[in-house]
């Protein structure tokens, strides 16, 4: 019983053992499984931890990157602000630079303007100084001329000549007007260039020069004289071609064939050819005034009421032209003759002798006329001594007042006009001068009937006393003549007294050159 019990117990224990063993195996397996699971869990947990750590780290890094990004953004914003400030500052600096550049340009332009202004002011100052010097020296020239005239009248001719030459020198070198009356007269009297000779018994009414230009002249008088003479540094001969006091010659024409035609007031025309002299009787017995060339081989003869065309070859009157009023004067304009009436009529004389009325703006009696082709200007002299300058249309552009009696003749030479008058004077007028002032070339002893322009810067005059006079009209030539005759220079005392201590001394007398 006991064994069976033990056997059962053993079986039971075995079963229990088996069961326990099986259970232990199962438990062991479960433990292993759990362990495996635990290991897996551990592994997973480790991985999860790692992941969590990594995630945490990544999160931290992300936060850091976020912080960094935020800081970078803030830095970028700051840098953008700095950049904006720098841009604004750069723009301001650029504006300042541009303003500075503009200011620099303006300053440069202003400096250039100031420089130009300074140059202009310097030029004006120099001009003003030159003008002052010029005016001073021109005034000195005029003062010296006045002193020259005083010394000449006092008989101190050496000093007068020095003063006149110094007057010309200062005036001419400083572009002054050497035709001023006081200077011109000082030069004229101290050069002693005036030459006169009584060749006629009666008043010399006309002087003409030979067409060959050999300083040969013919003059006529109202005492019936016709003389031929020459001048070559003095009078050379005086040939009386005709003399008869019953004639009263008023005009003369000397043609290219050396034939002389002398017109007498009483209606006789004397024709002198070589040694022969013939008289041609004219239609009227008084009032004859002028004889002038009129086309080829013809002369125009003028009486008080008629004009006549005379044929030289045929020796006859070809045409008679009646005037509607008494003739006052004849004048030539551009190779056409003009007839002035005493009642203010004016006609142009055509080639065939026809009278063409012209508009006349001068309502005084005309006594002389001259026309300048170069100046396109005419000069009209009237009975009371006035002279009117007219343009091409006849309008009066200027009046010249200086003569006191009838104008007898007018002649242009360049920009100068020469006039003679019954007031016994011959005058020169500078047409280009702003102020018209007559230069009295000479006061003669009687009425001045005529003037003749010579080719050597001289004019000849004929007056009522019967004298023919030569007047030099070039200040430069008179000055050269004076210098050639100077015997000495100013002394130091004379220079200080007349010219002035502050004026540098100059040599006036020519220096004689020593010949080798």
Protein backbone atom coordinates (compact mmCIF):
# COMPACT_ATOMS: atom_id res chain seq x y z
CA UNK A 1 0.00 0.00 0.00
CA UNK A 2 2.72 2.06 0.88
CA UNK A 3 4.55 1.22 -2.34
CA UNK A 4 1.55 1.89 -4.38
CA UNK A 5 1.15 5.08 -2.61
CA UNK A 6 4.77 5.92 -3.20
CA UNK A 7 4.33 4.85 -6.74
CA UNK A 8 1.37 7.06 -7.17
CA UNK A 9 3.16 9.71 -5.33
CA UNK A 10 6.13 9.11 -7.51
CA UNK A 11 3.98 9.17 -10.55
CA UNK A 12 2.31 12.18 -9.20
CA UNK A 13 5.58 13.71 -8.35
CA UNK A 14 6.82 12.67 -11.75
CA UNK A 15 3.79 14.12 -13.31
CA UNK A 16 4.22 17.06 -11.12
CA UNK A 17 7.85 17.10 -12.04
CA UNK A 18 6.96 16.66 -15.69
CA UNK A 19 4.32 19.20 -15.37
CA UNK A 20 6.68 21.40 -13.50
CA UNK A 21 9.36 20.66 -16.01
CA UNK A 22 7.01 21.36 -18.87
CA UNK A 23 5.82 24.38 -17.04
CA UNK A 24 9.40 25.24 -16.35
CA UNK A 25 10.24 24.80 -20.01
CA UNK A 26 7.25 26.88 -20.92
CA UNK A 27 8.17 29.35 -18.30
CA UNK A 28 11.73 29.26 -19.44
CA UNK A 29 10.58 29.85 -22.94
CA UNK A 30 8.35 32.60 -21.79
CA UNK A 31 11.17 34.01 -19.78
CA UNK A 32 13.35 33.77 -22.84
CA UNK A 33 10.62 35.27 -24.85
CA UNK A 34 10.20 37.92 -22.28
CA UNK A 35 13.89 38.38 -22.15
CA UNK A 36 13.94 38.54 -25.89
CA UNK A 37 11.00 40.85 -25.76
CA UNK A 38 12.71 42.69 -22.97
CA UNK A 39 15.84 42.87 -25.03
CA UNK A 40 13.77 44.02 -27.91
CA UNK A 41 12.09 46.50 -25.66
CA UNK A 42 15.40 47.48 -24.32
CA UNK A 43 16.76 47.73 -27.81
CA UNK A 44 13.70 49.64 -28.90
CA UNK A 45 13.83 51.66 -25.77
CA UNK A 46 17.46 52.35 -26.41
CA UNK A 47 16.72 53.25 -29.97
CA UNK A 48 13.81 55.31 -28.86
CA UNK A 49 16.00 57.00 -26.34
CA UNK A 50 18.60 57.56 -28.95
CA UNK A 51 15.97 58.79 -31.29
CA UNK A 52 14.56 60.84 -28.53
CA UNK A 53 17.97 62.16 -27.75
CA UNK A 54 18.70 62.74 -31.35
CA UNK A 55 15.30 64.33 -31.73
CA UNK A 56 15.98 66.33 -28.65
CA UNK A 57 19.36 67.27 -29.99
CA UNK A 58 17.87 67.98 -33.36
CA UNK A 59 15.19 70.00 -31.68
CA UNK A 60 17.85 71.79 -29.77
CA UNK A 61 19.81 72.24 -32.95
CA UNK A 62 16.64 73.41 -34.67
CA UNK A 63 16.04 75.82 -31.84
CA UNK A 64 19.64 76.88 -32.09
CA UNK A 65 19.34 77.19 -35.85
CA UNK A 66 16.15 79.05 -35.28
CA UNK A 67 17.93 81.29 -32.86
CA UNK A 68 20.81 81.58 -35.28
CA UNK A 69 18.37 82.22 -38.14
CA UNK A 70 16.60 84.74 -35.99
CA UNK A 71 19.89 86.32 -35.10
CA UNK A 72 20.97 86.15 -38.75
CA UNK A 73 17.65 87.64 -39.74
CA UNK A 74 18.09 90.30 -37.15
CA UNK A 75 21.68 90.73 -38.29
CA UNK A 76 20.46 90.83 -41.88
CA UNK A 77 17.84 93.38 -40.91
CA UNK A 78 20.50 95.28 -39.05
CA UNK A 79 22.88 94.98 -41.98
CA UNK A 80 20.03 96.05 -44.26
CA UNK A 81 19.49 99.01 -42.00
CA UNK A 82 23.21 99.73 -42.03
CA UNK A 83 23.24 99.25 -45.80
CA UNK A 84 20.24 101.57 -46.12
CA UNK A 85 21.94 104.12 -43.92
CA UNK A 86 25.12 103.71 -45.95
CA UNK A 87 23.07 104.05 -49.16
CA UNK A 88 21.40 107.13 -47.81
CA UNK A 89 24.76 108.44 -46.65
CA UNK A 90 26.28 107.52 -50.01
CA UNK A 91 23.45 109.34 -51.78
CA UNK A 92 23.96 112.30 -49.50
CA UNK A 93 27.69 112.13 -50.13
CA UNK A 94 27.00 111.82 -53.84
CA UNK A 95 24.70 114.81 -53.66
CA UNK A 96 27.34 116.65 -51.71
CA UNK A 97 29.93 115.55 -54.27
CA UNK A 98 27.65 116.66 -57.11
CA UNK A 99 26.96 119.91 -55.29
CA UNK A 100 30.67 120.28 -54.66
CA UNK A 101 31.32 119.49 -58.31
CA UNK A 102 28.73 122.06 -59.34
CA UNK A 103 30.20 124.49 -56.89
CA UNK A 104 33.62 123.66 -58.23
CA UNK A 105 32.38 124.22 -61.80
CA UNK A 106 30.66 127.40 -60.74
CA UNK A 107 33.76 128.42 -58.83
CA UNK A 108 35.88 127.61 -61.86
CA UNK A 109 33.49 129.50 -64.13
CA UNK A 110 33.41 132.32 -61.63
CA UNK A 111 37.18 132.26 -61.45
CA UNK A 112 37.34 132.25 -65.25
CA UNK A 113 34.84 135.11 -65.38
CA UNK A 114 36.83 136.94 -62.74
CA UNK A 115 39.99 136.31 -64.74
CA UNK A 116 38.33 137.56 -67.93
CA UNK A 117 36.93 140.49 -65.98
CA UNK A 118 40.38 141.18 -64.59
CA UNK A 119 41.84 140.97 -68.11
CA UNK A 120 39.11 143.29 -69.42
CA UNK A 121 39.67 145.67 -66.54
CA UNK A 122 43.38 145.54 -67.23
CA UNK A 123 42.74 146.20 -70.92
CA UNK A 124 40.36 149.01 -70.03
CA UNK A 125 42.90 150.38 -67.62
CA UNK A 126 45.59 150.15 -70.28
CA UNK A 127 43.21 151.69 -72.81
CA UNK A 128 42.29 154.43 -70.36
CA UNK A 129 45.98 155.01 -69.67
CA UNK A 130 46.70 155.05 -73.41
CA UNK A 131 43.76 157.38 -73.97
CA UNK A 132 45.02 159.58 -71.17
CA UNK A 133 48.53 159.47 -72.64
CA UNK A 134 47.12 160.15 -76.09
CA UNK A 135 44.99 163.03 -74.90
CA UNK A 136 47.89 164.34 -72.89
CA UNK A 137 50.28 164.20 -75.83
CA UNK A 138 47.69 165.51 -78.30
CA UNK A 139 46.99 168.37 -75.91
CA UNK A 140 50.75 168.88 -75.65
CA UNK A 141 50.95 169.02 -79.45
CA UNK A 142 48.26 171.68 -79.59
CA UNK A 143 49.92 173.70 -76.82
CA UNK A 144 53.28 173.54 -78.61
CA UNK A 145 51.62 174.76 -81.81
CA UNK A 146 50.20 177.75 -79.96
CA UNK A 147 53.64 178.52 -78.56
CA UNK A 148 55.12 178.16 -82.03
CA UNK A 149 52.73 180.76 -83.42
CA UNK A 150 53.62 183.14 -80.57
CA UNK A 151 57.36 182.67 -81.04
CA UNK A 152 57.08 183.07 -84.83
CA UNK A 153 55.27 186.39 -84.45
CA UNK A 154 57.94 187.43 -81.93
CA UNK A 155 60.64 186.73 -84.50
CA UNK A 156 62.14 183.65 -82.79
CA UNK A 157 61.95 181.47 -85.89
CA UNK A 158 64.39 178.78 -84.68
CA UNK A 159 62.35 178.11 -81.55
CA UNK A 160 59.10 178.44 -83.51
CA UNK A 161 60.29 175.76 -85.96
CA UNK A 162 61.30 173.40 -83.13
CA UNK A 163 57.95 173.92 -81.44
CA UNK A 164 55.99 173.38 -84.68
CA UNK A 165 57.86 170.19 -85.51
CA UNK A 166 57.46 168.87 -81.94
CA UNK A 167 53.75 169.74 -82.15
CA UNK A 168 53.40 167.69 -85.34
CA UNK A 169 55.45 164.79 -83.93
CA UNK A 170 53.46 164.37 -80.71
CA UNK A 171 50.15 164.83 -82.51
CA UNK A 172 50.88 162.43 -85.38
CA UNK A 173 52.50 159.72 -83.23
CA UNK A 174 49.45 159.65 -80.97
CA UNK A 175 47.00 159.62 -83.89
CA UNK A 176 45.80 163.15 -83.33
CA UNK A 177 44.47 165.43 -86.05
CA UNK A 178 47.39 167.29 -87.59
CA UNK A 179 44.87 169.28 -89.65
CA UNK A 180 43.76 171.20 -86.57
CA UNK A 181 43.94 174.87 -87.53
CA UNK A 182 46.48 175.81 -84.85
CA UNK A 183 48.83 172.94 -85.78
CA UNK A 184 48.39 173.32 -89.53
CA UNK A 185 49.02 177.05 -89.36
CA UNK A 186 52.13 176.55 -87.19
CA UNK A 187 53.50 174.08 -89.74
CA UNK A 188 52.59 176.32 -92.64
CA UNK A 189 54.26 179.47 -91.37
CA UNK A 190 57.41 177.86 -89.91
CA UNK A 191 58.00 175.65 -92.98
CA UNK A 192 57.85 178.85 -95.04
CA UNK A 193 56.39 176.71 -97.81
CA UNK A 194 54.00 179.43 -98.97
CA UNK A 195 55.15 180.90 -102.26
CA UNK A 196 53.46 183.78 -104.08
CA UNK A 197 54.24 185.88 -107.12
CA UNK A 198 52.38 188.67 -108.86
CA UNK A 199 52.23 187.41 -112.42
CA UNK A 200 49.24 189.53 -113.50
CA UNK A 201 48.18 193.14 -113.39
CA UNK A 202 44.56 192.22 -112.82
CA UNK A 203 42.76 189.71 -110.67
CA UNK A 204 43.63 186.08 -111.47
CA UNK A 205 40.30 184.45 -112.32
CA UNK A 206 41.42 180.96 -113.37
CA UNK A 207 44.47 178.66 -113.16
CA UNK A 208 44.69 175.34 -115.03
CA UNK A 209 47.45 172.73 -115.11
CA UNK A 210 48.84 171.13 -118.24
CA UNK A 211 47.50 167.67 -119.00
CA UNK A 212 51.07 166.37 -119.35
CA UNK A 213 51.66 166.82 -115.58
CA UNK A 214 54.97 168.70 -116.01
CA UNK A 215 54.15 171.45 -113.50
CA UNK A 216 53.14 173.77 -116.32
CA UNK A 217 50.24 176.14 -115.76
CA UNK A 218 48.16 178.70 -117.62
CA UNK A 219 46.46 181.55 -115.76
CA UNK A 220 44.15 184.31 -116.94
CA UNK A 221 43.12 187.62 -115.42
CA UNK A 222 40.25 190.08 -115.64
CA UNK A 223 42.75 192.54 -117.10
CA UNK A 224 42.97 190.62 -120.36
CA UNK A 225 46.13 188.57 -119.61
CA UNK A 226 46.95 184.96 -120.51
CA UNK A 227 50.20 183.69 -118.98
CA UNK A 228 51.96 180.33 -119.15
CA UNK A 229 54.49 179.44 -116.46
CA UNK A 230 56.19 176.54 -114.70
CA UNK A 231 57.08 175.76 -111.12
CA UNK A 232 59.96 173.46 -110.22
CA UNK A 233 61.16 174.28 -106.68
CA UNK A 234 60.52 177.85 -107.72
CA UNK A 235 58.98 179.80 -110.58
CA UNK A 236 60.60 178.95 -113.89
CA UNK A 237 59.69 181.50 -116.53
CA UNK A 238 56.51 183.44 -117.07
CA UNK A 239 55.47 183.67 -120.70
CA UNK A 240 52.80 186.20 -121.53
CA UNK A 241 50.73 184.56 -124.26
CA UNK A 242 48.29 187.44 -124.62
CA UNK A 243 47.65 190.80 -122.96
CA UNK A 244 44.89 193.26 -123.78
CA UNK A 245 43.05 195.17 -121.02
CA UNK A 246 39.96 195.39 -123.26
CA UNK A 247 39.40 191.70 -122.51
CA UNK A 248 38.22 190.47 -119.14
CA UNK A 249 38.92 186.77 -118.99
CA UNK A 250 36.69 184.74 -116.65
CA UNK A 251 37.66 181.19 -117.53
CA UNK A 252 40.23 179.17 -119.49
CA UNK A 253 40.51 175.64 -120.87
CA UNK A 254 43.82 174.00 -121.90
CA UNK A 255 43.22 170.89 -123.98
CA UNK A 256 45.35 167.82 -124.66
CA UNK A 257 46.68 169.39 -127.88
CA UNK A 258 48.07 172.36 -125.92
CA UNK A 259 45.46 174.67 -127.39
CA UNK A 260 44.34 177.35 -124.93
CA UNK A 261 40.75 178.65 -124.98
CA UNK A 262 40.25 181.81 -122.91
CA UNK A 263 36.71 183.14 -122.39
CA UNK A 264 36.17 186.87 -121.94
CA UNK A 265 33.18 188.35 -120.15
CA UNK A 266 32.37 190.57 -123.14
CA UNK A 267 31.63 187.73 -125.57
CA UNK A 268 35.03 187.00 -127.09
CA UNK A 269 36.86 183.68 -126.93
CA UNK A 270 40.60 183.74 -127.50
CA UNK A 271 42.06 180.60 -129.11
CA UNK A 272 45.84 180.31 -128.66
CA UNK A 273 47.58 177.56 -130.64
CA UNK A 274 51.35 177.78 -130.43
CA UNK A 275 52.36 181.30 -131.37
CA UNK A 276 49.07 182.24 -133.00
CA UNK A 277 46.12 183.79 -131.15
CA UNK A 278 42.70 184.18 -132.75
CA UNK A 279 39.51 185.67 -131.37
CA UNK A 280 36.17 183.97 -131.86
CA UNK A 281 33.18 186.29 -131.46
CA UNK A 282 30.33 184.81 -129.46
CA UNK A 283 26.60 185.53 -129.90
CA UNK A 284 26.25 187.69 -126.80
CA UNK A 285 28.37 190.68 -125.81
CA UNK A 286 28.29 190.26 -122.01
CA UNK A 287 27.64 187.89 -119.16
CA UNK A 288 30.00 185.09 -120.23
CA UNK A 289 31.09 182.93 -117.29
CA UNK A 290 32.40 179.42 -117.98
CA UNK A 291 34.10 177.27 -120.59
CA UNK A 292 34.31 173.51 -119.94
CA UNK A 293 34.91 170.32 -121.98
CA UNK A 294 31.73 168.72 -123.32
CA UNK A 295 32.25 165.38 -125.02
CA UNK A 296 34.74 164.60 -127.80
CA UNK A 297 36.03 167.70 -129.55
CA UNK A 298 33.45 170.00 -128.02
CA UNK A 299 33.27 172.78 -125.43
CA UNK A 300 30.32 174.03 -123.42
CA UNK A 301 30.23 177.83 -123.20
CA UNK A 302 28.00 179.46 -120.60
CA UNK A 303 26.58 182.97 -120.56
CA UNK A 304 24.01 184.50 -118.25
CA UNK A 305 20.98 183.19 -120.16
CA UNK A 306 22.28 180.57 -122.62
CA UNK A 307 24.49 177.54 -123.02
CA UNK A 308 26.36 176.93 -126.26
CA UNK A 309 27.97 173.79 -127.64
CA UNK A 310 31.11 174.72 -129.56
CA UNK A 311 32.82 172.33 -132.01
CA UNK A 312 36.58 172.82 -131.78
CA UNK A 313 37.36 171.13 -135.08
CA UNK A 314 34.75 173.04 -137.06
CA UNK A 315 35.33 176.22 -135.04
CA UNK A 316 31.62 177.01 -134.75
CA UNK A 317 28.66 177.00 -132.40
CA UNK A 318 26.70 173.79 -132.99
CA UNK A 319 23.80 174.32 -130.62
CA UNK A 320 22.26 177.04 -128.50
CA UNK A 321 20.43 176.11 -125.30
CA UNK A 322 18.16 178.71 -123.70
CA UNK A 323 17.78 178.93 -119.94
CA UNK A 324 14.54 179.84 -118.19
CA UNK A 325 16.39 181.86 -115.56
CA UNK A 326 19.82 183.48 -115.24
CA UNK A 327 22.71 181.05 -114.74
CA UNK A 328 24.42 181.15 -111.35
CA UNK A 329 26.97 178.32 -111.63
CA UNK A 330 28.04 175.19 -113.48
CA UNK A 331 29.14 171.97 -111.80
CA UNK A 332 30.12 168.47 -112.84
CA UNK A 333 28.75 165.27 -111.26
CA UNK A 334 29.90 161.86 -112.53
CA UNK A 335 30.93 163.34 -115.93
CA UNK A 336 27.60 165.11 -116.37
CA UNK A 337 27.28 168.85 -116.15
CA UNK A 338 24.73 170.58 -113.95
CA UNK A 339 23.38 174.11 -114.43
CA UNK A 340 22.29 176.05 -111.34
CA UNK A 341 19.89 178.96 -111.84
CA UNK A 342 19.79 182.13 -109.78
CA UNK A 343 16.15 181.42 -108.98
CA UNK A 344 16.93 177.95 -107.56
CA UNK A 345 16.42 176.03 -110.79
CA UNK A 346 18.63 172.99 -111.45
CA UNK A 347 19.12 171.08 -114.69
CA UNK A 348 21.25 168.19 -115.86
CA UNK A 349 22.70 168.88 -119.30
CA UNK A 350 22.27 165.83 -121.55
CA UNK A 351 24.76 164.67 -124.16
CA UNK A 352 22.83 166.41 -126.93
CA UNK A 353 22.38 169.55 -124.88
CA UNK A 354 18.89 168.79 -123.58
CA UNK A 355 18.04 170.20 -120.15
CA UNK A 356 16.65 167.68 -117.67
CA UNK A 357 15.12 169.32 -114.53
CA UNK A 358 16.47 168.06 -111.22
CA UNK A 359 15.11 168.36 -107.70
CA UNK A 360 16.98 171.03 -105.79
CA UNK A 361 16.93 171.18 -101.99
CA UNK A 362 19.03 174.31 -101.49
CA UNK A 363 17.00 177.49 -101.68
CA UNK A 364 19.97 179.86 -101.76
CA UNK A 365 21.86 181.15 -104.78
CA UNK A 366 24.53 178.63 -105.70
CA UNK A 367 27.93 180.03 -106.66
CA UNK A 368 30.14 176.89 -106.71
CA UNK A 369 29.74 173.11 -106.89
CA UNK A 370 32.02 170.07 -106.66
CA UNK A 371 31.34 166.32 -106.54
CA UNK A 372 33.43 163.51 -105.02
CA UNK A 373 32.95 160.10 -106.67
CA UNK A 374 34.88 158.46 -103.84
CA UNK A 375 32.78 159.95 -101.05
CA UNK A 376 29.52 159.90 -103.07
CA UNK A 377 29.03 163.40 -101.79
CA UNK A 378 28.74 166.87 -103.24
CA UNK A 379 29.61 170.33 -101.94
CA UNK A 380 27.50 173.37 -102.77
CA UNK A 381 28.77 176.88 -102.05
CA UNK A 382 26.38 179.80 -101.85
CA UNK A 383 26.43 183.58 -101.97
CA UNK A 384 26.64 184.18 -98.20
CA UNK A 385 29.70 181.94 -97.74
CA UNK A 386 28.01 178.81 -96.42
CA UNK A 387 28.84 175.38 -97.83
CA UNK A 388 26.39 172.48 -97.85
CA UNK A 389 27.34 168.83 -98.20
CA UNK A 390 24.73 166.83 -100.10
CA UNK A 391 24.21 163.11 -100.76
CA UNK A 392 23.47 161.43 -104.08
CA UNK A 393 19.79 162.39 -103.92
CA UNK A 394 20.57 166.05 -103.25
CA UNK A 395 19.63 166.05 -99.57
CA UNK A 396 21.73 168.27 -97.32
CA UNK A 397 23.66 166.12 -94.81
CA UNK A 398 25.94 168.73 -93.26
CA UNK A 399 26.56 172.46 -93.23
CA UNK A 400 30.02 174.03 -93.19
CA UNK A 401 30.12 177.51 -91.74
CA UNK A 402 33.33 179.51 -91.82
CA UNK A 403 33.52 181.80 -94.83
CA UNK A 404 31.95 185.24 -94.61
CA UNK A 405 31.39 185.94 -98.29
CA UNK A 406 30.66 184.35 -101.68
CA UNK A 407 32.21 180.94 -102.34
CA UNK A 408 34.13 181.08 -105.62
CA UNK A 409 35.40 177.51 -106.03
CA UNK A 410 35.24 174.10 -104.33
CA UNK A 411 37.51 171.09 -104.86
CA UNK A 412 37.66 167.64 -103.22
CA UNK A 413 40.90 165.79 -102.53
CA UNK A 414 40.36 162.51 -100.69
CA UNK A 415 38.44 163.21 -97.49
CA UNK A 416 39.25 166.89 -97.60
CA UNK A 417 37.40 169.77 -99.21
CA UNK A 418 39.11 173.00 -100.28
CA UNK A 419 37.21 176.24 -100.67
CA UNK A 420 37.99 179.77 -101.83
CA UNK A 421 35.97 182.88 -101.15
CA UNK A 422 35.66 186.59 -101.63
CA UNK A 423 36.52 186.89 -97.92
CA UNK A 424 40.18 186.55 -99.06
CA UNK A 425 40.68 183.11 -97.53
CA UNK A 426 41.35 179.59 -98.71
CA UNK A 427 40.08 176.95 -96.31
CA UNK A 428 40.43 173.23 -95.78
CA UNK A 429 37.66 171.05 -94.31
CA UNK A 430 38.09 167.52 -92.96
CA UNK A 431 34.83 165.91 -94.08
CA UNK A 432 35.36 162.83 -91.87
CA UNK A 433 35.81 164.83 -88.65
CA UNK A 434 32.96 164.78 -86.13
CA UNK A 435 33.35 168.50 -85.57
CA UNK A 436 33.65 170.59 -88.70
CA UNK A 437 36.18 173.35 -88.23
CA UNK A 438 37.72 175.27 -91.09
CA UNK A 439 41.48 175.33 -91.42
CA UNK A 440 42.37 178.68 -92.88
CA UNK A 441 45.22 177.79 -95.23
CA UNK A 442 45.97 181.37 -96.09
CA UNK A 443 44.53 184.85 -95.80
CA UNK A 444 45.41 186.60 -99.05
CA UNK A 445 45.53 190.26 -99.90
CA UNK A 446 42.43 190.26 -102.13
CA UNK A 447 39.39 188.30 -103.23
CA UNK A 448 40.27 184.70 -104.01
CA UNK A 449 38.80 183.93 -107.42
CA UNK A 450 40.05 180.40 -107.97
CA UNK A 451 42.03 177.41 -106.75
CA UNK A 452 43.87 174.73 -108.76
CA UNK A 453 44.69 171.32 -107.27
CA UNK A 454 48.24 170.27 -108.17
CA UNK A 455 49.56 166.71 -108.13
CA UNK A 456 52.29 167.31 -105.53
CA UNK A 457 50.10 167.94 -102.44
CA UNK A 458 49.88 171.63 -103.16
CA UNK A 459 47.19 173.97 -104.39
CA UNK A 460 47.50 177.15 -106.40
CA UNK A 461 45.31 180.18 -105.76
CA UNK A 462 44.54 183.23 -107.85
CA UNK A 463 43.42 186.45 -106.18
CA UNK A 464 42.32 189.95 -107.05
CA UNK A 465 45.82 191.38 -106.51
CA UNK A 466 47.13 189.50 -109.55
CA UNK A 467 49.15 187.00 -107.50
CA UNK A 468 49.32 183.25 -107.98
CA UNK A 469 50.17 181.53 -104.71
CA UNK A 470 51.36 178.03 -103.89
CA UNK A 471 50.13 176.47 -100.62
CA UNK A 472 51.45 173.16 -99.33
CA UNK A 473 48.54 171.12 -97.99
CA UNK A 474 50.32 168.08 -96.50
CA UNK A 475 51.21 168.44 -92.78
CA UNK A 476 53.64 165.53 -93.08
CA UNK A 477 55.52 167.14 -95.93
CA UNK A 478 55.61 170.48 -94.14
CA UNK A 479 56.98 168.75 -91.03
CA UNK A 480 59.65 167.00 -93.10
CA UNK A 481 60.59 170.35 -94.65
CA UNK A 482 60.83 171.93 -91.20
CA UNK A 483 63.02 169.12 -89.87
CA UNK A 484 65.35 169.34 -92.85
CA UNK A 485 65.94 173.00 -92.00
CA UNK A 486 66.37 172.65 -88.22
CA UNK A 487 69.71 174.06 -87.14
CA UNK A 488 69.68 172.68 -83.60
CA UNK A 489 67.68 170.86 -80.93
CA UNK A 490 66.06 172.26 -77.80
CA UNK A 491 68.42 173.09 -74.98
CA UNK A 492 67.69 171.47 -71.62
CA UNK A 493 66.23 174.70 -70.31
CA UNK A 494 64.08 175.17 -73.42
CA UNK A 495 62.81 171.60 -73.20
CA UNK A 496 61.90 172.00 -69.53
CA UNK A 497 60.25 175.36 -70.19
CA UNK A 498 58.26 174.55 -73.33
CA UNK A 499 57.73 170.77 -73.24
CA UNK A 500 58.11 169.86 -69.56
CA UNK A 501 60.62 168.21 -67.23
CA UNK A 502 58.48 165.07 -66.93
CA UNK A 503 58.37 164.48 -70.68
CA UNK A 504 61.29 162.33 -71.92
CA UNK A 505 63.53 164.24 -74.28
CA UNK A 506 63.55 163.26 -77.94
CA UNK A 507 65.82 164.29 -80.77
CA UNK A 508 64.18 166.56 -83.33
CA UNK A 509 67.04 167.60 -85.56
CA UNK A 510 68.17 165.15 -88.22
CA UNK A 511 71.46 163.43 -87.46
CA UNK A 512 74.00 163.97 -90.18
CA UNK A 513 75.33 160.63 -91.36
CA UNK A 514 79.11 160.37 -91.66
CA UNK A 515 80.11 159.10 -95.07
CA UNK A 516 82.66 156.30 -95.22
